[in-house]
Protein backbone atom coordinates (compact mmCIF):
# COMPACT_ATOMS: atom_id res chain seq x y z
CA ALA A 1 75.02 123.23 87.10
CA LEU A 2 71.42 123.30 85.85
CA LYS A 3 68.99 125.43 87.84
CA SER A 4 66.12 123.47 86.28
CA THR A 5 67.13 120.33 88.22
CA VAL A 6 66.16 121.97 91.53
CA SER A 7 62.68 120.93 92.72
CA ALA A 8 62.64 122.50 96.20
CA PRO A 9 63.57 125.93 97.56
CA GLY A 10 67.18 125.80 98.76
CA GLY A 11 68.00 122.76 96.62
CA THR A 12 71.34 122.30 94.89
CA PRO A 13 71.49 122.29 91.07
CA SER A 14 72.81 119.08 89.51
CA GLU A 15 75.73 118.91 87.11
CA LEU A 16 74.57 117.32 83.86
CA CYS A 17 76.04 116.94 80.43
CA VAL A 18 73.67 118.93 78.22
CA GLY A 19 73.60 120.00 74.61
CA HIS A 20 72.93 123.29 72.93
CA SER A 21 69.94 125.50 73.79
CA VAL A 22 70.12 124.73 77.52
CA SER A 23 69.39 128.40 78.21
CA LEU A 24 65.90 128.00 76.76
CA TYR A 25 64.57 125.47 79.26
CA GLU A 26 66.59 127.09 82.04
CA GLU A 27 64.73 130.34 81.29
CA VAL A 28 61.37 128.50 81.28
CA TYR A 29 62.19 127.09 84.73
CA SER A 30 63.57 130.37 86.11
CA THR A 31 60.49 132.28 85.00
CA ILE A 32 58.01 129.79 86.47
CA ILE A 33 59.61 129.59 89.94
CA GLN A 34 59.17 133.33 90.42
CA ALA A 35 55.38 132.93 90.73
CA GLU A 36 53.93 134.12 94.02
CA ARG A 37 50.18 134.34 93.24
CA TYR A 38 49.40 133.16 89.73
CA LEU A 39 51.04 131.63 86.71
CA ASP A 40 49.83 131.14 83.15
CA ILE A 41 51.60 128.80 80.72
CA SER A 42 50.35 128.81 77.15
CA SER A 43 51.73 126.87 74.21
CA LEU A 44 50.70 125.25 70.97
CA GLU A 45 51.51 121.80 72.37
CA LEU A 46 51.95 120.41 75.86
CA ALA A 47 55.58 120.32 76.96
CA ASP A 48 57.62 117.17 76.47
CA GLY A 49 61.09 115.81 77.20
CA ILE A 50 63.47 118.20 78.94
CA PHE A 51 60.93 121.03 78.83
CA LEU A 52 58.44 118.82 80.67
CA ALA A 53 61.07 117.93 83.28
CA ALA A 54 61.97 121.62 83.77
CA ILE A 55 58.30 122.58 84.15
CA ARG A 56 57.63 119.65 86.53
CA ASN A 57 60.60 120.66 88.69
CA ALA A 58 59.41 124.27 88.69
CA ILE A 59 55.85 123.26 89.72
CA THR A 60 57.30 121.06 92.47
CA PHE A 61 59.47 124.01 93.55
CA LEU A 62 56.36 126.23 93.74
CA ASP A 63 54.63 123.62 95.91
CA GLY A 64 57.59 123.85 98.29
CA LYS A 65 56.98 127.60 98.73
CA ASP A 66 53.78 126.67 100.59
CA GLN A 67 51.86 129.57 99.03
CA THR A 68 48.50 129.57 97.29
CA ILE A 69 49.32 129.87 93.60
CA ASP A 70 46.81 129.57 90.77
CA ILE A 71 48.38 127.86 87.75
CA ARG A 72 46.74 127.62 84.34
CA PHE A 73 48.06 125.61 81.39
CA LEU A 74 46.51 126.42 78.02
CA THR A 75 47.31 124.29 75.00
CA GLY A 76 46.07 124.53 71.47
CA MET A 77 46.95 121.62 69.25
CA PRO A 78 45.54 118.30 70.39
CA ASP A 79 47.65 115.17 70.31
CA PHE A 80 46.19 113.55 67.21
CA THR A 81 47.73 110.22 68.21
CA ALA A 82 45.71 110.22 71.45
CA LEU A 83 42.28 108.67 71.01
CA ASN A 84 40.98 110.39 74.13
CA GLN A 85 42.01 114.05 74.55
CA ASP A 86 40.73 114.23 78.15
CA ARG A 87 42.96 111.28 79.05
CA HIS A 88 45.88 112.97 77.24
CA LEU A 89 45.41 116.14 79.29
CA GLN A 90 45.01 114.10 82.49
CA ARG A 91 48.30 112.28 81.79
CA PHE A 92 50.01 115.65 81.44
CA MET A 93 48.50 116.82 84.75
CA THR A 94 49.65 113.62 86.45
CA ASN A 95 53.14 114.07 85.00
CA ILE A 96 53.63 117.70 86.07
CA THR A 97 52.31 117.04 89.59
CA ARG A 98 54.13 113.72 90.00
CA ASP A 99 56.72 115.03 92.47
CA ILE A 100 54.47 117.29 94.53
CA ARG A 101 54.23 116.12 98.11
CA GLU A 102 51.11 114.15 98.92
CA PRO A 103 48.62 116.54 100.56
CA THR A 104 47.70 115.86 104.18
CA ARG A 105 45.24 117.41 106.59
CA LEU A 106 48.09 119.36 108.18
CA ARG A 107 49.74 120.29 104.90
CA PRO A 108 47.27 120.48 102.01
CA THR A 109 48.56 121.42 98.60
CA ARG A 110 48.13 125.11 97.95
CA LEU A 111 48.62 124.91 94.20
CA ARG A 112 45.42 125.18 92.15
CA ILE A 113 46.18 123.82 88.68
CA THR A 114 43.89 124.00 85.65
CA ILE A 115 44.53 122.67 82.15
CA GLY A 116 42.53 123.82 79.15
CA GLN A 117 42.61 123.21 75.42
CA TRP A 118 41.64 125.83 72.83
CA PHE A 119 41.10 124.07 69.52
CA HIS A 120 38.39 124.23 66.88
CA ALA A 121 38.34 122.25 63.65
CA ALA A 122 36.02 122.15 60.68
CA LEU A 123 34.13 118.90 60.70
CA ARG A 124 33.75 118.70 56.91
CA PRO A 125 36.39 119.34 54.24
CA ASP A 126 33.94 121.42 52.15
CA VAL A 127 33.52 124.01 54.93
CA THR A 128 35.24 127.24 53.87
CA ALA A 129 33.61 129.94 56.01
CA PRO A 130 36.36 131.56 58.11
CA GLU A 131 34.50 130.98 61.36
CA ASP A 132 34.25 127.25 60.58
CA LEU A 133 37.88 126.61 59.69
CA ALA A 134 40.36 125.13 62.14
CA SER A 135 41.84 127.48 64.71
CA TRP A 136 43.67 127.01 68.00
CA ASN A 137 45.70 128.70 70.67
CA HIS A 138 49.17 129.35 69.29
CA ALA A 139 50.46 131.74 71.97
CA LYS A 140 53.71 130.77 73.66
CA ILE A 141 53.61 132.68 76.93
CA ILE A 142 54.65 132.12 80.52
CA ALA A 143 53.08 134.94 82.54
CA VAL A 144 53.92 135.43 86.22
CA ASP A 145 51.90 137.61 88.60
CA GLY A 146 51.34 140.38 86.03
CA ARG A 147 54.97 141.45 86.41
CA LEU A 148 57.08 139.00 84.40
CA THR A 149 56.54 137.29 81.06
CA LEU A 150 58.52 134.91 78.86
CA GLU A 151 57.05 134.90 75.38
CA GLY A 152 57.99 134.31 71.80
CA GLY A 153 57.98 131.63 69.15
CA HIS A 154 59.26 128.58 71.05
CA ASN A 155 56.98 125.66 71.66
CA TRP A 156 58.05 123.48 74.58
CA ALA A 157 58.93 120.60 72.24
CA SER A 158 62.29 118.92 72.82
CA ASN A 159 62.49 117.32 69.37
CA ALA A 160 62.03 120.66 67.61
CA TYR A 161 64.54 122.69 69.62
CA LEU A 162 67.03 120.45 71.37
CA LYS A 163 68.15 117.96 68.71
CA SER A 164 70.85 118.20 66.05
CA SER A 165 68.94 120.46 63.62
CA PRO A 166 66.88 122.74 65.86
CA ILE A 167 64.18 125.12 64.69
CA LEU A 168 65.30 128.72 65.07
CA ASP A 169 62.85 130.80 67.10
CA ALA A 170 63.16 133.77 69.40
CA SER A 171 61.69 134.33 72.85
CA LEU A 172 62.28 137.09 75.36
CA VAL A 173 61.63 137.94 78.97
CA VAL A 174 59.89 141.22 79.79
CA GLU A 175 59.19 142.75 83.18
CA GLY A 176 56.97 145.52 84.46
CA ASP A 177 53.75 146.97 83.10
CA VAL A 178 54.14 145.37 79.67
CA ALA A 179 53.83 141.95 81.30
CA LYS A 180 50.26 142.75 82.39
CA HIS A 181 49.16 142.65 78.75
CA ALA A 182 50.11 138.97 78.48
CA ASP A 183 47.91 138.25 81.50
CA ARG A 184 44.98 140.12 79.97
CA PHE A 185 45.44 138.33 76.66
CA LEU A 186 45.45 134.91 78.34
CA ASP A 187 42.40 135.86 80.42
CA GLN A 188 40.59 136.47 77.12
CA GLN A 189 41.68 133.07 75.82
CA TRP A 190 40.40 131.38 78.98
CA HIS A 191 37.13 133.32 78.74
CA TYR A 192 36.73 132.01 75.19
CA ILE A 193 37.17 128.34 76.09
CA CYS A 194 35.11 128.59 79.28
CA THR A 195 32.02 130.17 77.71
């Protein structure tokens, strides 16, 4: 049974026929649903495929906790096929919040979700000064409440990791004081894009 199919506290995991690397998106899901106050998700690209479904279910699960949780998504690489990056980010927001219950006066949503993109590119090919070259967020971190972090080399890209010839990367979960450093690092990234 896949934990990442559960989208509400107390829900029952579904039995699905899955391929290799299932533990990766199961760990993404399991890390996210532990959030009580705040959650940071940072990756080179926005999640897709099974990773997107696992993250959506986890966000929907968090909504079911009925707690105020601040959630920040930080991506680096833009979707170069998207003509409008704001619309691309909005589609992602719509997708991850798709299954959250509609807020009402009696039960407003208590999730506060922000999406940001950290990307800078040289506008001319002759630019060679280091500060003018392309750079972007490349951190792959899920940080939960300053106490739990999943980080490593994995992007949340299904084609790269879940197909027949997957990319080999490593990620790990850390708990305790060391997890606070991931929060501080991501705070600095957000400060950079917000100023």
